[in-house]
Amino acid sequence: QVYLYIMRSVERIQVATFVYLSSLICNIILNAIFIFGMF
């Protein structure tokens, strides 16, 4: 969070978008696998 907020402050916005979007996709997939016992 500290690193991404500093990057925001120097107008490097895209990196945080990519990082958080990747994290969300990973979380959704792993949630489905672990919570409901898929695969």
ModelCIF file with pLDDT and N, C-alpha, C, O atoms, coordinates in Angstrom:
data_MODEL
#
_entry.id   MODEL 
#
_entity.id                         1 
_entity.type                       polymer 
_entity.pdbx_number_of_molecules   1 
#
_entity_poly.entity_id                      1 
_entity_poly.type                           'polypeptide(L)' 
_entity_poly.nstd_linkage                   no 
_entity_poly.nstd_monomer                   no 
_entity_poly.pdbx_seq_one_letter_code       QVYLYIMRSVERIQVATFVYLSSLICNIILNAIFIFGMF 
_entity_poly.pdbx_seq_one_letter_code_can   QVYLYIMRSVERIQVATFVYLSSLICNIILNAIFIFGMF 
_entity_poly.pdbx_strand_id                 A 
#
loop_
_entity_poly_seq.entity_id 
_entity_poly_seq.num 
_entity_poly_seq.mon_id 
_entity_poly_seq.hetero 
1 1  GLN n 
1 2  VAL n 
1 3  TYR n 
1 4  LEU n 
1 5  TYR n 
1 6  ILE n 
1 7  MET n 
1 8  ARG n 
1 9  SER n 
1 10 VAL n 
1 11 GLU n 
1 12 ARG n 
1 13 ILE n 
1 14 GLN n 
1 15 VAL n 
1 16 ALA n 
1 17 THR n 
1 18 PHE n 
1 19 VAL n 
1 20 TYR n 
1 21 LEU n 
1 22 SER n 
1 23 SER n 
1 24 LEU n 
1 25 ILE n 
1 26 CYS n 
1 27 ASN n 
1 28 ILE n 
1 29 ILE n 
1 30 LEU n 
1 31 ASN n 
1 32 ALA n 
1 33 ILE n 
1 34 PHE n 
1 35 ILE n 
1 36 PHE n 
1 37 GLY n 
1 38 MET n 
1 39 PHE n 
#
_struct_asym.id          A 
_struct_asym.entity_id   1 
#
loop_
_ma_qa_metric.id 
_ma_qa_metric.mode 
_ma_qa_metric.name 
_ma_qa_metric.software_group_id 
_ma_qa_metric.type 
1 global pLDDT . pLDDT 
2 local  pLDDT . pLDDT 
#
_ma_qa_metric_global.metric_id      1 
_ma_qa_metric_global.metric_value   86.28 
_ma_qa_metric_global.model_id       1 
_ma_qa_metric_global.ordinal_id     1 
#
loop_
_ma_qa_metric_local.label_asym_id 
_ma_qa_metric_local.label_comp_id 
_ma_qa_metric_local.label_seq_id 
_ma_qa_metric_local.metric_id 
_ma_qa_metric_local.metric_value 
_ma_qa_metric_local.model_id 
_ma_qa_metric_local.ordinal_id 
A GLN 1  2 91.00 1 1  
A VAL 2  2 92.00 1 2  
A TYR 3  2 93.00 1 3  
A LEU 4  2 91.00 1 4  
A TYR 5  2 88.00 1 5  
A ILE 6  2 91.00 1 6  
A MET 7  2 90.00 1 7  
A ARG 8  2 86.00 1 8  
A SER 9  2 86.00 1 9  
A VAL 10 2 87.00 1 10 
A GLU 11 2 82.00 1 11 
A ARG 12 2 85.00 1 12 
A ILE 13 2 81.00 1 13 
A GLN 14 2 84.00 1 14 
A VAL 15 2 89.00 1 15 
A ALA 16 2 87.00 1 16 
A THR 17 2 86.00 1 17 
A PHE 18 2 90.00 1 18 
A VAL 19 2 91.00 1 19 
A TYR 20 2 88.00 1 20 
A LEU 21 2 89.00 1 21 
A SER 22 2 91.00 1 22 
A SER 23 2 88.00 1 23 
A LEU 24 2 87.00 1 24 
A ILE 25 2 89.00 1 25 
A CYS 26 2 89.00 1 26 
A ASN 27 2 86.00 1 27 
A ILE 28 2 87.00 1 28 
A ILE 29 2 89.00 1 29 
A LEU 30 2 89.00 1 30 
A ASN 31 2 83.00 1 31 
A ALA 32 2 85.00 1 32 
A ILE 33 2 87.00 1 33 
A PHE 34 2 84.00 1 34 
A ILE 35 2 78.00 1 35 
A PHE 36 2 78.00 1 36 
A GLY 37 2 75.00 1 37 
A MET 38 2 77.00 1 38 
A PHE 39 2 76.00 1 39 
#
loop_
_atom_site.group_PDB 
_atom_site.id 
_atom_site.type_symbol 
_atom_site.label_atom_id 
_atom_site.label_alt_id 
_atom_site.label_comp_id 
_atom_site.label_asym_id 
_atom_site.label_entity_id 
_atom_site.label_seq_id 
_atom_site.pdbx_PDB_ins_code 
_atom_site.Cartn_x 
_atom_site.Cartn_y 
_atom_site.Cartn_z 
_atom_site.occupancy 
_atom_site.B_iso_or_equiv 
_atom_site.pdbx_formal_charge 
_atom_site.auth_seq_id 
_atom_site.auth_comp_id 
_atom_site.auth_asym_id 
_atom_site.auth_atom_id 
_atom_site.pdbx_PDB_model_num 
ATOM 1   N N  . GLN A 1 1  ? 0.819   -1.209  0.000   1.00 91.00 ? 1  GLN A N  1 
ATOM 2   C CA . GLN A 1 1  ? 0.000   0.000   0.000   1.00 91.00 ? 1  GLN A CA 1 
ATOM 3   C C  . GLN A 1 1  ? 0.855   1.263   0.000   1.00 91.00 ? 1  GLN A C  1 
ATOM 4   O O  . GLN A 1 1  ? 0.560   2.212   -0.726  1.00 91.00 ? 1  GLN A O  1 
ATOM 5   N N  . VAL A 1 2  ? 1.906   1.278   0.807   1.00 92.00 ? 2  VAL A N  1 
ATOM 6   C CA . VAL A 1 2  ? 2.777   2.459   0.843   1.00 92.00 ? 2  VAL A CA 1 
ATOM 7   C C  . VAL A 1 2  ? 3.395   2.713   -0.528  1.00 92.00 ? 2  VAL A C  1 
ATOM 8   O O  . VAL A 1 2  ? 3.389   3.843   -1.018  1.00 92.00 ? 2  VAL A O  1 
ATOM 9   N N  . TYR A 1 3  ? 3.922   1.675   -1.137  1.00 93.00 ? 3  TYR A N  1 
ATOM 10  C CA . TYR A 1 3  ? 4.577   1.847   -2.432  1.00 93.00 ? 3  TYR A CA 1 
ATOM 11  C C  . TYR A 1 3  ? 3.596   2.348   -3.490  1.00 93.00 ? 3  TYR A C  1 
ATOM 12  O O  . TYR A 1 3  ? 3.909   3.271   -4.241  1.00 93.00 ? 3  TYR A O  1 
ATOM 13  N N  . LEU A 1 4  ? 2.410   1.741   -3.551  1.00 91.00 ? 4  LEU A N  1 
ATOM 14  C CA . LEU A 1 4  ? 1.444   2.118   -4.576  1.00 91.00 ? 4  LEU A CA 1 
ATOM 15  C C  . LEU A 1 4  ? 0.905   3.521   -4.364  1.00 91.00 ? 4  LEU A C  1 
ATOM 16  O O  . LEU A 1 4  ? 0.616   4.225   -5.331  1.00 91.00 ? 4  LEU A O  1 
ATOM 17  N N  . TYR A 1 5  ? 0.765   3.942   -3.101  1.00 88.00 ? 5  TYR A N  1 
ATOM 18  C CA . TYR A 1 5  ? 0.295   5.304   -2.841  1.00 88.00 ? 5  TYR A CA 1 
ATOM 19  C C  . TYR A 1 5  ? 1.342   6.336   -3.253  1.00 88.00 ? 5  TYR A C  1 
ATOM 20  O O  . TYR A 1 5  ? 1.003   7.404   -3.763  1.00 88.00 ? 5  TYR A O  1 
ATOM 21  N N  . ILE A 1 6  ? 2.614   6.012   -3.028  1.00 91.00 ? 6  ILE A N  1 
ATOM 22  C CA . ILE A 1 6  ? 3.661   6.922   -3.481  1.00 91.00 ? 6  ILE A CA 1 
ATOM 23  C C  . ILE A 1 6  ? 3.649   7.011   -5.006  1.00 91.00 ? 6  ILE A C  1 
ATOM 24  O O  . ILE A 1 6  ? 3.818   8.093   -5.567  1.00 91.00 ? 6  ILE A O  1 
ATOM 25  N N  . MET A 1 7  ? 3.450   5.873   -5.678  1.00 90.00 ? 7  MET A N  1 
ATOM 26  C CA . MET A 1 7  ? 3.383   5.879   -7.141  1.00 90.00 ? 7  MET A CA 1 
ATOM 27  C C  . MET A 1 7  ? 2.186   6.695   -7.635  1.00 90.00 ? 7  MET A C  1 
ATOM 28  O O  . MET A 1 7  ? 2.282   7.384   -8.651  1.00 90.00 ? 7  MET A O  1 
ATOM 29  N N  . ARG A 1 8  ? 1.078   6.620   -6.931  1.00 86.00 ? 8  ARG A N  1 
ATOM 30  C CA . ARG A 1 8  ? -0.063  7.450   -7.285  1.00 86.00 ? 8  ARG A CA 1 
ATOM 31  C C  . ARG A 1 8  ? 0.308   8.930   -7.210  1.00 86.00 ? 8  ARG A C  1 
ATOM 32  O O  . ARG A 1 8  ? -0.056  9.722   -8.080  1.00 86.00 ? 8  ARG A O  1 
ATOM 33  N N  . SER A 1 9  ? 1.038   9.285   -6.157  1.00 86.00 ? 9  SER A N  1 
ATOM 34  C CA . SER A 1 9  ? 1.355   10.684  -5.915  1.00 86.00 ? 9  SER A CA 1 
ATOM 35  C C  . SER A 1 9  ? 2.265   11.266  -6.976  1.00 86.00 ? 9  SER A C  1 
ATOM 36  O O  . SER A 1 9  ? 2.278   12.479  -7.186  1.00 86.00 ? 9  SER A O  1 
ATOM 37  N N  . VAL A 1 10 ? 3.034   10.410  -7.654  1.00 87.00 ? 10 VAL A N  1 
ATOM 38  C CA . VAL A 1 10 ? 3.911   10.887  -8.729  1.00 87.00 ? 10 VAL A CA 1 
ATOM 39  C C  . VAL A 1 10 ? 3.321   10.545  -10.094 1.00 87.00 ? 10 VAL A C  1 
ATOM 40  O O  . VAL A 1 10 ? 4.032   10.439  -11.094 1.00 87.00 ? 10 VAL A O  1 
ATOM 41  N N  . GLU A 1 11 ? 1.994   10.376  -10.106 1.00 82.00 ? 11 GLU A N  1 
ATOM 42  C CA . GLU A 1 11 ? 1.221   10.191  -11.343 1.00 82.00 ? 11 GLU A CA 1 
ATOM 43  C C  . GLU A 1 11 ? 1.564   8.906   -12.083 1.00 82.00 ? 11 GLU A C  1 
ATOM 44  O O  . GLU A 1 11 ? 1.510   8.856   -13.312 1.00 82.00 ? 11 GLU A O  1 
ATOM 45  N N  . ARG A 1 12 ? 1.920   7.862   -11.328 1.00 85.00 ? 12 ARG A N  1 
ATOM 46  C CA . ARG A 1 12 ? 2.096   6.527   -11.902 1.00 85.00 ? 12 ARG A CA 1 
ATOM 47  C C  . ARG A 1 12 ? 0.880   5.697   -11.491 1.00 85.00 ? 12 ARG A C  1 
ATOM 48  O O  . ARG A 1 12 ? 0.973   4.805   -10.648 1.00 85.00 ? 12 ARG A O  1 
ATOM 49  N N  . ILE A 1 13 ? -0.254  6.010   -12.101 1.00 81.00 ? 13 ILE A N  1 
ATOM 50  C CA . ILE A 1 13 ? -1.535  5.448   -11.672 1.00 81.00 ? 13 ILE A CA 1 
ATOM 51  C C  . ILE A 1 13 ? -1.727  4.013   -12.158 1.00 81.00 ? 13 ILE A C  1 
ATOM 52  O O  . ILE A 1 13 ? -2.323  3.196   -11.456 1.00 81.00 ? 13 ILE A O  1 
ATOM 53  N N  . GLN A 1 14 ? -1.229  3.703   -13.348 1.00 84.00 ? 14 GLN A N  1 
ATOM 54  C CA . GLN A 1 14 ? -1.568  2.438   -13.991 1.00 84.00 ? 14 GLN A CA 1 
ATOM 55  C C  . GLN A 1 14 ? -1.051  1.220   -13.226 1.00 84.00 ? 14 GLN A C  1 
ATOM 56  O O  . GLN A 1 14 ? -1.688  0.167   -13.234 1.00 84.00 ? 14 GLN A O  1 
ATOM 57  N N  . VAL A 1 15 ? 0.100   1.359   -12.566 1.00 89.00 ? 15 VAL A N  1 
ATOM 58  C CA . VAL A 1 15 ? 0.681   0.196   -11.887 1.00 89.00 ? 15 VAL A CA 1 
ATOM 59  C C  . VAL A 1 15 ? -0.249  -0.322  -10.792 1.00 89.00 ? 15 VAL A C  1 
ATOM 60  O O  . VAL A 1 15 ? -0.410  -1.534  -10.645 1.00 89.00 ? 15 VAL A O  1 
ATOM 61  N N  . ALA A 1 16 ? -0.865  0.583   -10.019 1.00 87.00 ? 16 ALA A N  1 
ATOM 62  C CA . ALA A 1 16 ? -1.776  0.158   -8.957  1.00 87.00 ? 16 ALA A CA 1 
ATOM 63  C C  . ALA A 1 16 ? -3.017  -0.523  -9.529  1.00 87.00 ? 16 ALA A C  1 
ATOM 64  O O  . ALA A 1 16 ? -3.517  -1.496  -8.965  1.00 87.00 ? 16 ALA A O  1 
ATOM 65  N N  . THR A 1 17 ? -3.508  -0.005  -10.648 1.00 86.00 ? 17 THR A N  1 
ATOM 66  C CA . THR A 1 17 ? -4.665  -0.630  -11.289 1.00 86.00 ? 17 THR A CA 1 
ATOM 67  C C  . THR A 1 17 ? -4.354  -2.064  -11.694 1.00 86.00 ? 17 THR A C  1 
ATOM 68  O O  . THR A 1 17 ? -5.155  -2.967  -11.453 1.00 86.00 ? 17 THR A O  1 
ATOM 69  N N  . PHE A 1 18 ? -3.202  -2.273  -12.303 1.00 90.00 ? 18 PHE A N  1 
ATOM 70  C CA . PHE A 1 18 ? -2.800  -3.613  -12.722 1.00 90.00 ? 18 PHE A CA 1 
ATOM 71  C C  . PHE A 1 18 ? -2.622  -4.541  -11.522 1.00 90.00 ? 18 PHE A C  1 
ATOM 72  O O  . PHE A 1 18 ? -3.080  -5.684  -11.545 1.00 90.00 ? 18 PHE A O  1 
ATOM 73  N N  . VAL A 1 19 ? -1.965  -4.055  -10.484 1.00 91.00 ? 19 VAL A N  1 
ATOM 74  C CA . VAL A 1 19 ? -1.709  -4.880  -9.293  1.00 91.00 ? 19 VAL A CA 1 
ATOM 75  C C  . VAL A 1 19 ? -3.014  -5.274  -8.620  1.00 91.00 ? 19 VAL A C  1 
ATOM 76  O O  . VAL A 1 19 ? -3.215  -6.445  -8.296  1.00 91.00 ? 19 VAL A O  1 
ATOM 77  N N  . TYR A 1 20 ? -3.899  -4.315  -8.407  1.00 88.00 ? 20 TYR A N  1 
ATOM 78  C CA . TYR A 1 20 ? -5.154  -4.610  -7.702  1.00 88.00 ? 20 TYR A CA 1 
ATOM 79  C C  . TYR A 1 20 ? -6.092  -5.480  -8.545  1.00 88.00 ? 20 TYR A C  1 
ATOM 80  O O  . TYR A 1 20 ? -6.793  -6.336  -8.006  1.00 88.00 ? 20 TYR A O  1 
ATOM 81  N N  . LEU A 1 21 ? -6.109  -5.266  -9.854  1.00 89.00 ? 21 LEU A N  1 
ATOM 82  C CA . LEU A 1 21 ? -6.950  -6.093  -10.714 1.00 89.00 ? 21 LEU A CA 1 
ATOM 83  C C  . LEU A 1 21 ? -6.455  -7.539  -10.716 1.00 89.00 ? 21 LEU A C  1 
ATOM 84  O O  . LEU A 1 21 ? -7.257  -8.471  -10.657 1.00 89.00 ? 21 LEU A O  1 
ATOM 85  N N  . SER A 1 22 ? -5.146  -7.725  -10.785 1.00 91.00 ? 22 SER A N  1 
ATOM 86  C CA . SER A 1 22 ? -4.577  -9.077  -10.734 1.00 91.00 ? 22 SER A CA 1 
ATOM 87  C C  . SER A 1 22 ? -4.918  -9.748  -9.415  1.00 91.00 ? 22 SER A C  1 
ATOM 88  O O  . SER A 1 22 ? -5.243  -10.935 -9.380  1.00 91.00 ? 22 SER A O  1 
ATOM 89  N N  . SER A 1 23 ? -4.843  -8.980  -8.321  1.00 88.00 ? 23 SER A N  1 
ATOM 90  C CA . SER A 1 23 ? -5.161  -9.512  -6.998  1.00 88.00 ? 23 SER A CA 1 
ATOM 91  C C  . SER A 1 23 ? -6.628  -9.927  -6.903  1.00 88.00 ? 23 SER A C  1 
ATOM 92  O O  . SER A 1 23 ? -6.945  -10.972 -6.336  1.00 88.00 ? 23 SER A O  1 
ATOM 93  N N  . LEU A 1 24 ? -7.513  -9.111  -7.455  1.00 87.00 ? 24 LEU A N  1 
ATOM 94  C CA . LEU A 1 24 ? -8.943  -9.420  -7.415  1.00 87.00 ? 24 LEU A CA 1 
ATOM 95  C C  . LEU A 1 24 ? -9.251  -10.703 -8.173  1.00 87.00 ? 24 LEU A C  1 
ATOM 96  O O  . LEU A 1 24 ? -9.981  -11.561 -7.677  1.00 87.00 ? 24 LEU A O  1 
ATOM 97  N N  . ILE A 1 25 ? -8.693  -10.836 -9.376  1.00 89.00 ? 25 ILE A N  1 
ATOM 98  C CA . ILE A 1 25 ? -8.929  -12.034 -10.173 1.00 89.00 ? 25 ILE A CA 1 
ATOM 99  C C  . ILE A 1 25 ? -8.419  -13.273 -9.444  1.00 89.00 ? 25 ILE A C  1 
ATOM 100 O O  . ILE A 1 25 ? -9.088  -14.305 -9.404  1.00 89.00 ? 25 ILE A O  1 
ATOM 101 N N  . CYS A 1 26 ? -7.218  -13.154 -8.868  1.00 89.00 ? 26 CYS A N  1 
ATOM 102 C CA . CYS A 1 26 ? -6.640  -14.259 -8.091  1.00 89.00 ? 26 CYS A CA 1 
ATOM 103 C C  . CYS A 1 26 ? -7.536  -14.615 -6.910  1.00 89.00 ? 26 CYS A C  1 
ATOM 104 O O  . CYS A 1 26 ? -7.760  -15.793 -6.631  1.00 89.00 ? 26 CYS A O  1 
ATOM 105 N N  . ASN A 1 27 ? -8.045  -13.606 -6.220  1.00 86.00 ? 27 ASN A N  1 
ATOM 106 C CA . ASN A 1 27 ? -8.884  -13.853 -5.041  1.00 86.00 ? 27 ASN A CA 1 
ATOM 107 C C  . ASN A 1 27 ? -10.198 -14.542 -5.400  1.00 86.00 ? 27 ASN A C  1 
ATOM 108 O O  . ASN A 1 27 ? -10.645 -15.445 -4.692  1.00 86.00 ? 27 ASN A O  1 
ATOM 109 N N  . ILE A 1 28 ? -10.807 -14.118 -6.491  1.00 87.00 ? 28 ILE A N  1 
ATOM 110 C CA . ILE A 1 28 ? -12.081 -14.721 -6.915  1.00 87.00 ? 28 ILE A CA 1 
ATOM 111 C C  . ILE A 1 28 ? -11.883 -16.201 -7.258  1.00 87.00 ? 28 ILE A C  1 
ATOM 112 O O  . ILE A 1 28 ? -12.664 -17.055 -6.840  1.00 87.00 ? 28 ILE A O  1 
ATOM 113 N N  . ILE A 1 29 ? -10.835 -16.487 -8.021  1.00 89.00 ? 29 ILE A N  1 
ATOM 114 C CA . ILE A 1 29 ? -10.580 -17.874 -8.432  1.00 89.00 ? 29 ILE A CA 1 
ATOM 115 C C  . ILE A 1 29 ? -10.278 -18.756 -7.223  1.00 89.00 ? 29 ILE A C  1 
ATOM 116 O O  . ILE A 1 29 ? -10.839 -19.842 -7.079  1.00 89.00 ? 29 ILE A O  1 
ATOM 117 N N  . LEU A 1 30 ? -9.384  -18.276 -6.353  1.00 89.00 ? 30 LEU A N  1 
ATOM 118 C CA . LEU A 1 30 ? -9.001  -19.071 -5.185  1.00 89.00 ? 30 LEU A CA 1 
ATOM 119 C C  . LEU A 1 30 ? -10.147 -19.197 -4.184  1.00 89.00 ? 30 LEU A C  1 
ATOM 120 O O  . LEU A 1 30 ? -10.289 -20.233 -3.534  1.00 89.00 ? 30 LEU A O  1 
ATOM 121 N N  . ASN A 1 31 ? -10.957 -18.162 -4.055  1.00 83.00 ? 31 ASN A N  1 
ATOM 122 C CA . ASN A 1 31 ? -12.144 -18.262 -3.189  1.00 83.00 ? 31 ASN A CA 1 
ATOM 123 C C  . ASN A 1 31 ? -13.050 -19.405 -3.638  1.00 83.00 ? 31 ASN A C  1 
ATOM 124 O O  . ASN A 1 31 ? -13.479 -20.230 -2.832  1.00 83.00 ? 31 ASN A O  1 
ATOM 125 N N  . ALA A 1 32 ? -13.329 -19.436 -4.933  1.00 85.00 ? 32 ALA A N  1 
ATOM 126 C CA . ALA A 1 32 ? -14.201 -20.488 -5.463  1.00 85.00 ? 32 ALA A CA 1 
ATOM 127 C C  . ALA A 1 32 ? -13.608 -21.874 -5.223  1.00 85.00 ? 32 ALA A C  1 
ATOM 128 O O  . ALA A 1 32 ? -14.327 -22.814 -4.886  1.00 85.00 ? 32 ALA A O  1 
ATOM 129 N N  . ILE A 1 33 ? -12.293 -21.992 -5.398  1.00 87.00 ? 33 ILE A N  1 
ATOM 130 C CA . ILE A 1 33 ? -11.635 -23.294 -5.226  1.00 87.00 ? 33 ILE A CA 1 
ATOM 131 C C  . ILE A 1 33 ? -11.651 -23.730 -3.769  1.00 87.00 ? 33 ILE A C  1 
ATOM 132 O O  . ILE A 1 33 ? -12.011 -24.867 -3.466  1.00 87.00 ? 33 ILE A O  1 
ATOM 133 N N  . PHE A 1 34 ? -11.262 -22.832 -2.860  1.00 84.00 ? 34 PHE A N  1 
ATOM 134 C CA . PHE A 1 34 ? -11.103 -23.202 -1.457  1.00 84.00 ? 34 PHE A CA 1 
ATOM 135 C C  . PHE A 1 34 ? -12.427 -23.271 -0.690  1.00 84.00 ? 34 PHE A C  1 
ATOM 136 O O  . PHE A 1 34 ? -12.627 -24.168 0.128   1.00 84.00 ? 34 PHE A O  1 
ATOM 137 N N  . ILE A 1 35 ? -13.334 -22.318 -0.958  1.00 78.00 ? 35 ILE A N  1 
ATOM 138 C CA . ILE A 1 35 ? -14.595 -22.286 -0.204  1.00 78.00 ? 35 ILE A CA 1 
ATOM 139 C C  . ILE A 1 35 ? -15.515 -23.437 -0.604  1.00 78.00 ? 35 ILE A C  1 
ATOM 140 O O  . ILE A 1 35 ? -16.117 -24.082 0.254   1.00 78.00 ? 35 ILE A O  1 
ATOM 141 N N  . PHE A 1 36 ? -15.622 -23.693 -1.913  1.00 78.00 ? 36 PHE A N  1 
ATOM 142 C CA . PHE A 1 36 ? -16.579 -24.685 -2.393  1.00 78.00 ? 36 PHE A CA 1 
ATOM 143 C C  . PHE A 1 36 ? -15.934 -26.009 -2.812  1.00 78.00 ? 36 PHE A C  1 
ATOM 144 O O  . PHE A 1 36 ? -16.641 -26.932 -3.216  1.00 78.00 ? 36 PHE A O  1 
ATOM 145 N N  . GLY A 1 37 ? -14.603 -26.115 -2.722  1.00 75.00 ? 37 GLY A N  1 
ATOM 146 C CA . GLY A 1 37 ? -13.937 -27.378 -3.009  1.00 75.00 ? 37 GLY A CA 1 
ATOM 147 C C  . GLY A 1 37 ? -13.901 -27.749 -4.476  1.00 75.00 ? 37 GLY A C  1 
ATOM 148 O O  . GLY A 1 37 ? -14.183 -28.894 -4.830  1.00 75.00 ? 37 GLY A O  1 
ATOM 149 N N  . MET A 1 38 ? -13.565 -26.816 -5.324  1.00 77.00 ? 38 MET A N  1 
ATOM 150 C CA . MET A 1 38 ? -13.500 -27.098 -6.764  1.00 77.00 ? 38 MET A CA 1 
ATOM 151 C C  . MET A 1 38 ? -12.168 -27.737 -7.136  1.00 77.00 ? 38 MET A C  1 
ATOM 152 O O  . MET A 1 38 ? -11.180 -27.604 -6.415  1.00 77.00 ? 38 MET A O  1 
ATOM 153 N N  . PHE A 1 39 ? -12.155 -28.433 -8.273  1.00 76.00 ? 39 PHE A N  1 
ATOM 154 C CA . PHE A 1 39 ? -10.945 -29.063 -8.836  1.00 76.00 ? 39 PHE A CA 1 
ATOM 155 C C  . PHE A 1 39 ? -10.269 -30.019 -7.844  1.00 76.00 ? 39 PHE A C  1 
ATOM 156 O O  . PHE A 1 39 ? -9.246  -30.622 -8.168  1.00 76.00 ? 39 PHE A O  1 
#
